[in-house]
C-alpha cells in the first residue's frame, strides 16, 4: 500500500473542495472522486472505486461529504458497504450535519466527529477502553447535538447496540452493508439485513427546541473516522442516498396456524413482516388491542409470548404489521385446554379410581400429596382434593 499517495490525494482534495455551501437538493453524485469533499486524512482510491476513511496508520482523522446537500427532514434512505481490515480501531461514522462540508472533529475515540456542531451521528465504534466509561465491545451508537457540539461519550448516545449480541462481527475484514432509513419521524438501522435500531423517534427540525438542519430541511451527509495508537484500514466501497425513497407497502412474510394450548404452560407466536421501515406490529385478542404486561410480552413485535397461558387467552387472535404506506393483517384461533386437576391418575377420566388413588397416596408416606401446594402434607390436602373431585371438571 502506498500510504504517501493516499496522503497526497487527501491534501489535494481538501484544496479542490473548498468549503463552499452547496444548494439544497440536486442529484446524489455517488461514490466518485469529484462528488466528494475530503478533509483530514480522507482519500479516494479511483482505481478501487472506494473512499478511504483511514489507512492502517496511527493518528488518522478524516471526514468526507457529498457535494450534494439533500433534504433529510422529510425522510431518506442511505445504504453503504464498508470494510474494516488490518486492525480494528477506532471506527467510523455516517454523519448528517449542518456545520459545513469541511466539518472535522477529533481523532482517536472521537472518530472524527466529536466537536462537530448540529449533527446526527451513526457511529460504528470498534475500540473500547472498557466499562464504566465506554461500552465494552464493538457497537453501533447514535449521537446527536441539538445545540452545540456532538459528544463522543458513550453515556451521551441516544441509542446503542453491542453488535456481537446480534451475531455481527464487522471487524472480520469482510464487506458489510448498513442501511439507514428515516420515515414518519422514526429512524431504522440494519447491518447485513439484521435490524440493529428498529424504531427510534427523531425530529431534525425540533431537536430539543433546536434545528440540526438548515431552514430548508437540508444537511450535509457523509462519513468520518479516526485511528489512534491502534489502527485499521477503513473503507466505503459503495454508497447510495435517496432523499425521496419509494415506500414499499407492509406485508406478511409468514403466517400463524390455529392451535391448542394448555393452561399454565407457555406459548409463543411469531410472524415475519416485510416492507419499508419503520414496521409497526400489532396484536388483537377478540377485537381488543393486546399490550405488554402480566403474562404477555412482545406485543409491539412480531413475536408474542404468553407465560403462563390462562383461559382468558382463548379466542380469536388477529395480528399484523403496517408502515407509512400500507397495513396488513391475518388471524387464527387459540383453544385453551384447562387440565382436569382432580384426574389424579391422569387417564383422562374423572372416576372412582382417581378418588381411590388419591386416598391411597395420602396414606402412603412415600407418595407426595401436597394437593393444595402449601408445602405441607396434612388433612387439608385430602379435604381439598375430595372437594375438587366432587366439584368435577
Protein backbone atom coordinates (compact mmCIF):
# COMPACT_ATOMS: atom_id res chain seq x y z
CA UNK A 1 0.00 0.00 0.00
CA UNK A 2 1.37 3.41 -1.00
CA UNK A 3 0.46 5.44 2.08
CA UNK A 4 2.18 8.59 0.81
CA UNK A 5 -0.06 8.51 -2.24
CA UNK A 6 -3.16 8.41 -0.06
CA UNK A 7 -1.97 11.38 1.99
CA UNK A 8 -1.27 13.42 -1.15
CA UNK A 9 -4.70 12.63 -2.54
CA UNK A 10 -6.32 13.75 0.70
CA UNK A 11 -4.46 17.05 0.77
CA UNK A 12 -5.21 17.92 -2.86
CA UNK A 13 -8.88 17.04 -2.41
CA UNK A 14 -9.21 19.37 0.55
CA UNK A 15 -7.88 22.27 -1.52
CA UNK A 16 -10.03 21.41 -4.53
CA UNK A 17 -13.17 21.02 -2.45
CA UNK A 18 -13.02 24.42 -0.77
CA UNK A 19 -15.81 24.62 1.82
CA UNK A 20 -18.47 26.43 -0.23
CA UNK A 21 -22.07 25.84 0.84
CA UNK A 22 -23.96 23.64 -1.58
CA UNK A 23 -27.52 24.40 -2.69
CA UNK A 24 -30.34 22.32 -1.26
CA UNK A 25 -31.22 19.27 -3.32
CA UNK A 26 -29.91 18.07 -6.64
CA UNK A 27 -28.64 14.71 -7.76
CA UNK A 28 -26.62 12.49 -5.43
CA UNK A 29 -23.23 12.12 -7.14
CA UNK A 30 -22.49 8.65 -5.84
CA UNK A 31 -19.16 7.33 -4.66
CA UNK A 32 -16.95 9.23 -7.11
CA UNK A 33 -13.94 11.44 -6.54
CA UNK A 34 -15.45 14.64 -7.93
CA UNK A 35 -18.59 14.12 -5.86
CA UNK A 36 -16.81 14.29 -2.50
CA UNK A 37 -15.27 16.96 -0.30
CA UNK A 38 -12.41 15.27 1.58
CA UNK A 39 -10.96 16.52 4.84
CA UNK A 40 -8.05 15.47 7.02
CA UNK A 41 -6.65 12.07 6.03
CA UNK A 42 -9.61 11.00 3.88
CA UNK A 43 -8.73 9.94 0.33
CA UNK A 44 -10.42 8.49 -2.73
CA UNK A 45 -8.93 5.43 -4.40
CA UNK A 46 -10.03 5.93 -8.01
CA UNK A 47 -8.62 2.58 -9.15
CA UNK A 48 -10.53 0.68 -6.48
CA UNK A 49 -13.57 2.97 -6.56
CA UNK A 50 -13.57 3.32 -2.80
CA UNK A 51 -13.45 6.03 -0.17
CA UNK A 52 -10.56 5.51 2.24
CA UNK A 53 -11.56 6.86 5.62
CA UNK A 54 -8.36 5.77 7.37
CA UNK A 55 -5.28 3.86 6.38
CA UNK A 56 -3.77 1.48 8.99
CA UNK A 57 -1.57 4.25 10.37
CA UNK A 58 -1.63 5.95 13.75
CA UNK A 59 -3.19 9.35 14.32
CA UNK A 60 -5.56 9.49 11.33
CA UNK A 61 -8.60 11.80 11.44
CA UNK A 62 -10.91 12.09 8.46
CA UNK A 63 -14.22 13.26 7.08
CA UNK A 64 -15.81 13.13 3.63
CA UNK A 65 -19.05 14.73 2.48
CA UNK A 66 -21.03 14.55 -0.72
CA UNK A 67 -21.14 17.78 -2.71
CA UNK A 68 -24.89 17.25 -2.63
CA UNK A 69 -26.92 18.61 0.26
CA UNK A 70 -30.16 16.60 0.42
CA UNK A 71 -33.39 17.43 2.20
CA UNK A 72 -33.33 14.94 5.08
CA UNK A 73 -36.07 16.35 7.32
CA UNK A 74 -38.88 14.62 5.38
CA UNK A 75 -37.20 11.23 5.03
CA UNK A 76 -34.31 9.47 3.31
CA UNK A 77 -32.71 6.12 2.58
CA UNK A 78 -28.93 5.71 2.84
CA UNK A 79 -27.13 2.46 2.14
CA UNK A 80 -23.40 1.85 2.11
CA UNK A 81 -20.97 -1.04 2.12
CA UNK A 82 -17.95 -0.80 4.39
CA UNK A 83 -14.90 -2.86 5.17
CA UNK A 84 -12.56 -2.82 8.19
CA UNK A 85 -9.21 -4.55 7.58
CA UNK A 86 -5.71 -4.89 9.03
CA UNK A 87 -6.83 -3.94 12.52
CA UNK A 88 -9.94 -2.90 14.39
CA UNK A 89 -9.65 0.69 15.56
CA UNK A 90 -11.02 3.13 16.14
CA UNK A 91 -14.13 3.06 13.95
CA UNK A 92 -16.07 5.32 11.62
CA UNK A 93 -19.43 7.08 11.30
CA UNK A 94 -22.16 8.03 8.89
CA UNK A 95 -23.00 11.63 9.75
CA UNK A 96 -25.68 14.16 8.87
CA UNK A 97 -24.66 17.71 9.84
CA UNK A 98 -25.33 21.38 9.17
CA UNK A 99 -21.93 22.80 10.08
CA UNK A 100 -20.50 22.63 6.59
CA UNK A 101 -18.62 20.42 4.09
CA UNK A 102 -15.27 20.97 5.86
CA UNK A 103 -16.55 19.73 9.24
CA UNK A 104 -13.97 17.59 11.04
CA UNK A 105 -13.90 16.57 14.69
CA UNK A 106 -11.34 15.00 16.99
CA UNK A 107 -9.20 11.93 16.41
CA UNK A 108 -8.87 8.57 18.17
CA UNK A 109 -12.01 7.62 20.05
CA UNK A 110 -13.68 10.80 18.82
CA UNK A 111 -13.90 9.10 15.38
CA UNK A 112 -13.58 12.40 13.52
CA UNK A 113 -16.97 13.70 14.66
CA UNK A 114 -16.75 14.83 18.31
CA UNK A 115 -16.85 18.62 18.30
CA UNK A 116 -18.88 18.94 15.10
CA UNK A 117 -21.99 21.04 15.68
CA UNK A 118 -25.63 20.42 14.70
CA UNK A 119 -25.20 16.78 13.75
CA UNK A 120 -26.77 13.34 13.89
CA UNK A 121 -24.12 10.61 14.00
CA UNK A 122 -24.33 6.85 13.47
CA UNK A 123 -21.05 5.51 14.80
CA UNK A 124 -19.60 2.04 14.43
CA UNK A 125 -17.11 2.07 17.28
CA UNK A 126 -14.62 -0.79 17.12
CA UNK A 127 -12.34 0.11 20.02
CA UNK A 128 -13.16 0.31 23.72
CA UNK A 129 -11.18 1.09 26.85
CA UNK A 130 -13.92 -0.82 28.69
CA UNK A 131 -16.53 -0.03 31.32
CA UNK A 132 -17.54 2.06 33.16
CA UNK A 133 -16.86 4.91 30.74
CA UNK A 134 -17.35 3.04 27.46
CA UNK A 135 -19.46 0.25 26.07
CA UNK A 136 -17.48 -2.99 26.43
CA UNK A 137 -17.36 -4.12 22.78
CA UNK A 138 -17.83 -3.14 19.13
CA UNK A 139 -21.15 -1.35 18.92
CA UNK A 140 -23.35 0.91 16.89
CA UNK A 141 -24.41 4.06 18.71
CA UNK A 142 -26.38 7.13 17.67
CA UNK A 143 -25.23 10.53 18.91
CA UNK A 144 -26.66 13.97 18.32
CA UNK A 145 -26.07 17.61 19.14
CA UNK A 146 -29.27 19.60 19.07
CA UNK A 147 -27.34 22.71 20.05
CA UNK A 148 -23.57 22.93 20.27
CA UNK A 149 -21.06 20.17 19.59
CA UNK A 150 -21.57 16.42 19.45
CA UNK A 151 -20.11 14.41 22.33
CA UNK A 152 -18.46 11.05 21.72
CA UNK A 153 -19.21 9.90 25.28
CA UNK A 154 -20.98 6.54 25.25
CA UNK A 155 -23.26 7.75 28.00
CA UNK A 156 -24.39 10.62 25.76
CA UNK A 157 -25.70 8.37 22.97
CA UNK A 158 -29.44 8.31 22.30
CA UNK A 159 -29.31 4.63 21.33
CA UNK A 160 -26.70 1.88 21.23
CA UNK A 161 -26.44 -1.83 20.44
CA UNK A 162 -23.50 -4.18 21.04
CA UNK A 163 -23.17 -5.83 17.63
CA UNK A 164 -21.91 -9.20 18.87
CA UNK A 165 -25.22 -9.58 20.71
CA UNK A 166 -26.82 -9.79 17.25
CA UNK A 167 -24.21 -12.18 15.90
CA UNK A 168 -22.45 -9.44 13.90
CA UNK A 169 -18.67 -9.18 13.55
CA UNK A 170 -17.91 -6.11 11.46
CA UNK A 171 -14.14 -6.25 12.07
CA UNK A 172 -13.66 -9.57 10.27
CA UNK A 173 -12.17 -7.94 7.16
CA UNK A 174 -15.23 -8.77 5.05
CA UNK A 175 -17.65 -6.34 3.36
CA UNK A 176 -20.74 -5.41 5.39
CA UNK A 177 -23.75 -3.36 4.34
CA UNK A 178 -25.51 -0.78 6.50
CA UNK A 179 -28.98 0.56 5.75
CA UNK A 180 -30.33 3.71 7.42
CA UNK A 181 -33.88 4.90 6.74
CA UNK A 182 -35.85 7.81 8.15
CA UNK A 183 -39.62 7.77 7.69
CA UNK A 184 -42.53 9.15 9.64
CA UNK A 185 -40.30 10.69 12.28
CA UNK A 186 -38.52 7.41 13.08
CA UNK A 187 -35.04 6.05 12.33
CA UNK A 188 -34.31 2.48 11.27
CA UNK A 189 -30.80 0.97 11.09
CA UNK A 190 -29.85 -2.50 9.85
CA UNK A 191 -26.50 -4.17 9.21
CA UNK A 192 -26.39 -7.12 6.83
CA UNK A 193 -30.22 -7.19 6.85
CA UNK A 194 -30.30 -7.57 10.65
CA UNK A 195 -32.29 -4.78 12.36
CA UNK A 196 -29.99 -3.01 14.82
CA UNK A 197 -32.11 0.02 15.71
CA UNK A 198 -35.63 -0.84 14.50
CA UNK A 199 -37.53 2.26 15.61
CA UNK A 200 -36.11 5.44 17.13
CA UNK A 201 -38.14 8.66 17.18
CA UNK A 202 -36.26 11.72 15.97
CA UNK A 203 -37.11 15.20 14.64
CA UNK A 204 -34.46 17.05 12.64
CA UNK A 205 -36.38 20.32 12.87
CA UNK A 206 -37.18 20.16 16.58
CA UNK A 207 -34.31 18.55 18.41
CA UNK A 208 -34.63 19.82 21.96
CA UNK A 209 -36.08 23.04 20.59
CA UNK A 210 -33.31 23.44 18.01
CA UNK A 211 -32.73 22.51 14.37
CA UNK A 212 -29.88 20.34 13.12
CA UNK A 213 -30.76 21.07 9.51
CA UNK A 214 -31.00 24.34 7.63
CA UNK A 215 -34.27 26.22 7.26
CA UNK A 216 -34.96 24.33 4.03
CA UNK A 217 -34.55 20.97 5.84
CA UNK A 218 -31.26 20.14 4.11
CA UNK A 219 -27.92 18.99 5.53
CA UNK A 220 -24.55 17.57 4.56
CA UNK A 221 -24.19 13.78 4.51
CA UNK A 222 -21.01 11.74 4.65
CA UNK A 223 -18.54 9.84 6.77
CA UNK A 224 -15.94 10.43 9.46
CA UNK A 225 -13.39 8.15 11.08
CA UNK A 226 -10.17 8.03 13.02
CA UNK A 227 -7.33 5.91 14.37
CA UNK A 228 -5.25 6.39 17.49
CA UNK A 229 -2.42 4.17 18.66
CA UNK A 230 -4.49 1.24 17.36
CA UNK A 231 -5.31 1.31 13.65
CA UNK A 232 -7.30 -0.16 10.75
CA UNK A 233 -7.89 0.32 7.04
CA UNK A 234 -11.49 1.57 6.95
CA UNK A 235 -13.14 1.96 3.56
CA UNK A 236 -16.51 2.65 1.98
CA UNK A 237 -16.87 0.60 -1.20
CA UNK A 238 -20.44 1.52 -2.21
CA UNK A 239 -22.88 4.27 -1.26
CA UNK A 240 -26.38 5.24 -2.35
CA UNK A 241 -28.56 8.01 -0.97
CA UNK A 242 -32.17 8.84 -1.81
CA UNK A 243 -33.96 11.79 -0.18
CA UNK A 244 -37.28 10.74 -1.73
CA UNK A 245 -37.31 6.93 -1.40
CA UNK A 246 -40.39 4.98 -2.51
CA UNK A 247 -42.39 3.27 0.22
CA UNK A 248 -42.79 -0.49 -0.15
CA UNK A 249 -46.05 -1.49 1.50
CA UNK A 250 -46.01 -3.69 4.58
CA UNK A 251 -46.83 -7.36 4.02
CA UNK A 252 -46.78 -10.67 5.86
CA UNK A 253 -43.86 -12.95 5.15
CA UNK A 254 -45.25 -15.81 7.29
CA UNK A 255 -48.48 -16.83 8.99
CA UNK A 256 -49.65 -18.39 12.27
CA UNK A 257 -51.83 -21.51 12.36
CA UNK A 258 -54.69 -22.04 14.82
CA UNK A 259 -53.60 -24.02 17.85
CA UNK A 260 -54.42 -25.50 21.25
CA UNK A 261 -52.52 -24.53 24.40
CA UNK A 262 -52.67 -25.88 27.92
CA UNK A 263 -53.47 -23.50 30.75
CA UNK A 264 -50.48 -22.92 32.98
CA UNK A 265 -47.98 -23.50 30.19
CA UNK A 266 -46.26 -21.05 27.85
CA UNK A 267 -46.84 -20.34 24.18
CA UNK A 268 -45.04 -18.14 21.64
CA UNK A 269 -46.49 -16.86 18.36
CA UNK A 270 -44.23 -15.44 15.67
CA UNK A 271 -44.63 -13.97 12.19
CA UNK A 272 -42.45 -12.05 9.74
CA UNK A 273 -43.30 -8.56 8.49
CA UNK A 274 -41.82 -7.14 5.29
CA UNK A 275 -41.79 -3.71 3.65
CA UNK A 276 -40.16 -0.34 4.10
CA UNK A 277 -39.23 0.52 7.67
CA UNK A 278 -40.33 1.57 10.13
CA UNK A 279 -42.54 -1.54 10.55
CA UNK A 280 -45.03 -1.43 13.42
CA UNK A 281 -46.58 -4.65 14.73
CA UNK A 282 -49.90 -5.20 16.48
CA UNK A 283 -51.90 -8.00 18.12
CA UNK A 284 -55.63 -8.20 18.92
CA UNK A 285 -57.49 -10.71 21.10
CA UNK A 286 -61.22 -10.91 20.47
CA UNK A 287 -61.04 -7.47 18.88
CA UNK A 288 -59.15 -5.78 21.74
CA UNK A 289 -55.59 -4.44 21.44
CA UNK A 290 -53.05 -6.57 23.30
CA UNK A 291 -50.41 -4.80 25.40
CA UNK A 292 -47.32 -5.93 27.28
CA UNK A 293 -47.86 -6.73 30.92
CA UNK A 294 -48.53 -9.66 33.22
CA UNK A 295 -48.06 -12.89 31.26
CA UNK A 296 -47.79 -11.11 27.88
CA UNK A 297 -44.57 -9.80 26.32
CA UNK A 298 -43.62 -8.78 22.78
CA UNK A 299 -46.93 -7.10 21.90
CA UNK A 300 -45.18 -4.47 19.73
CA UNK A 301 -43.01 -7.00 17.87
CA UNK A 302 -43.53 -9.91 15.51
CA UNK A 303 -43.01 -12.40 18.36
CA UNK A 304 -45.51 -12.54 21.23
CA UNK A 305 -45.17 -14.77 24.30
CA UNK A 306 -47.81 -15.71 26.90
CA UNK A 307 -46.45 -17.26 30.09
CA UNK A 308 -48.48 -18.61 31.74
CA UNK A 309 -51.46 -19.20 29.45
CA UNK A 310 -54.88 -18.76 31.06
CA UNK A 311 -58.47 -19.34 29.95
CA UNK A 312 -58.76 -15.60 29.24
CA UNK A 313 -56.33 -16.00 26.34
CA UNK A 314 -58.64 -18.25 24.32
CA UNK A 315 -60.47 -16.91 21.28
CA UNK A 316 -59.84 -15.07 18.04
CA UNK A 317 -56.37 -13.64 17.66
CA UNK A 318 -55.51 -11.13 14.93
CA UNK A 319 -52.02 -9.91 14.12
CA UNK A 320 -50.48 -7.61 11.57
CA UNK A 321 -47.95 -5.01 10.56
CA UNK A 322 -48.11 -1.56 8.99
CA UNK A 323 -45.83 1.22 7.79
CA UNK A 324 -46.27 4.63 6.23
CA UNK A 325 -47.95 3.33 3.09
CA UNK A 326 -49.83 0.11 3.91
CA UNK A 327 -51.06 -2.21 6.64
CA UNK A 328 -51.96 -5.90 6.50
CA UNK A 329 -53.30 -8.44 8.99
CA UNK A 330 -54.37 -12.06 9.41
CA UNK A 331 -55.74 -14.19 12.24
CA UNK A 332 -56.02 -17.54 13.99
CA UNK A 333 -57.89 -19.10 16.88
CA UNK A 334 -56.45 -20.46 20.10
CA UNK A 335 -58.24 -23.01 22.27
CA UNK A 336 -57.04 -23.12 25.88
CA UNK A 337 -57.25 -26.54 27.49
CA UNK A 338 -57.78 -26.37 31.24
CA UNK A 339 -56.39 -29.56 32.85
CA UNK A 340 -58.79 -31.60 34.98
CA UNK A 341 -56.96 -31.24 38.30
CA UNK A 342 -58.93 -33.98 40.16
CA UNK A 343 -58.00 -36.54 37.46
CA UNK A 344 -55.40 -37.88 39.87
CA UNK A 345 -54.18 -40.80 37.77
CA UNK A 346 -54.14 -38.74 34.59
CA UNK A 347 -56.05 -41.24 32.44
CA UNK A 348 -58.38 -38.58 31.05
CA UNK A 349 -61.36 -39.76 33.07
CA UNK A 350 -62.66 -38.50 36.39
CA UNK A 351 -63.96 -41.63 38.14
CA UNK A 352 -63.75 -43.52 41.48
CA UNK A 353 -60.31 -44.80 40.57
CA UNK A 354 -59.00 -41.24 40.96
CA UNK A 355 -60.53 -40.93 44.42
CA UNK A 356 -59.13 -44.29 45.49
CA UNK A 357 -55.68 -43.50 44.14
CA UNK A 358 -55.64 -40.10 45.82
CA UNK A 359 -56.66 -41.55 49.22
CA UNK A 360 -54.07 -44.30 48.83
CA UNK A 361 -51.36 -41.76 48.09
CA UNK A 362 -52.36 -39.63 51.07
CA UNK A 363 -51.88 -42.55 53.48
CA UNK A 364 -48.65 -43.70 51.77
CA UNK A 365 -45.71 -42.00 53.43
CA UNK A 366 -43.62 -42.47 50.25
CA UNK A 367 -46.19 -40.80 47.96
CA UNK A 368 -46.05 -36.96 47.86
CA UNK A 369 -49.51 -35.48 48.38
CA UNK A 370 -49.35 -31.69 48.79
CA UNK A 371 -52.52 -31.13 46.76
CA UNK A 372 -53.09 -27.50 47.76
CA UNK A 373 -49.44 -26.53 47.31
CA UNK A 374 -48.89 -25.06 50.77
CA UNK A 375 -45.68 -27.16 51.25
CA UNK A 376 -47.39 -29.20 54.00
CA UNK A 377 -48.90 -32.66 53.60
CA UNK A 378 -51.81 -32.65 56.02
CA UNK A 379 -55.57 -33.35 56.22
CA UNK A 380 -56.28 -30.09 54.37
CA UNK A 381 -54.79 -31.63 51.23
CA UNK A 382 -57.14 -34.62 51.38
CA UNK A 383 -60.14 -32.40 52.15
CA UNK A 384 -59.29 -30.06 49.27
CA UNK A 385 -58.88 -33.00 46.88
CA UNK A 386 -62.20 -34.55 47.85
CA UNK A 387 -63.93 -31.17 47.34
CA UNK A 388 -62.30 -30.82 43.93
CA UNK A 389 -63.26 -34.39 42.99
CA UNK A 390 -66.93 -33.86 43.74
CA UNK A 391 -66.76 -30.44 42.07
CA UNK A 392 -65.88 -32.18 38.79
CA UNK A 393 -64.01 -30.78 35.84
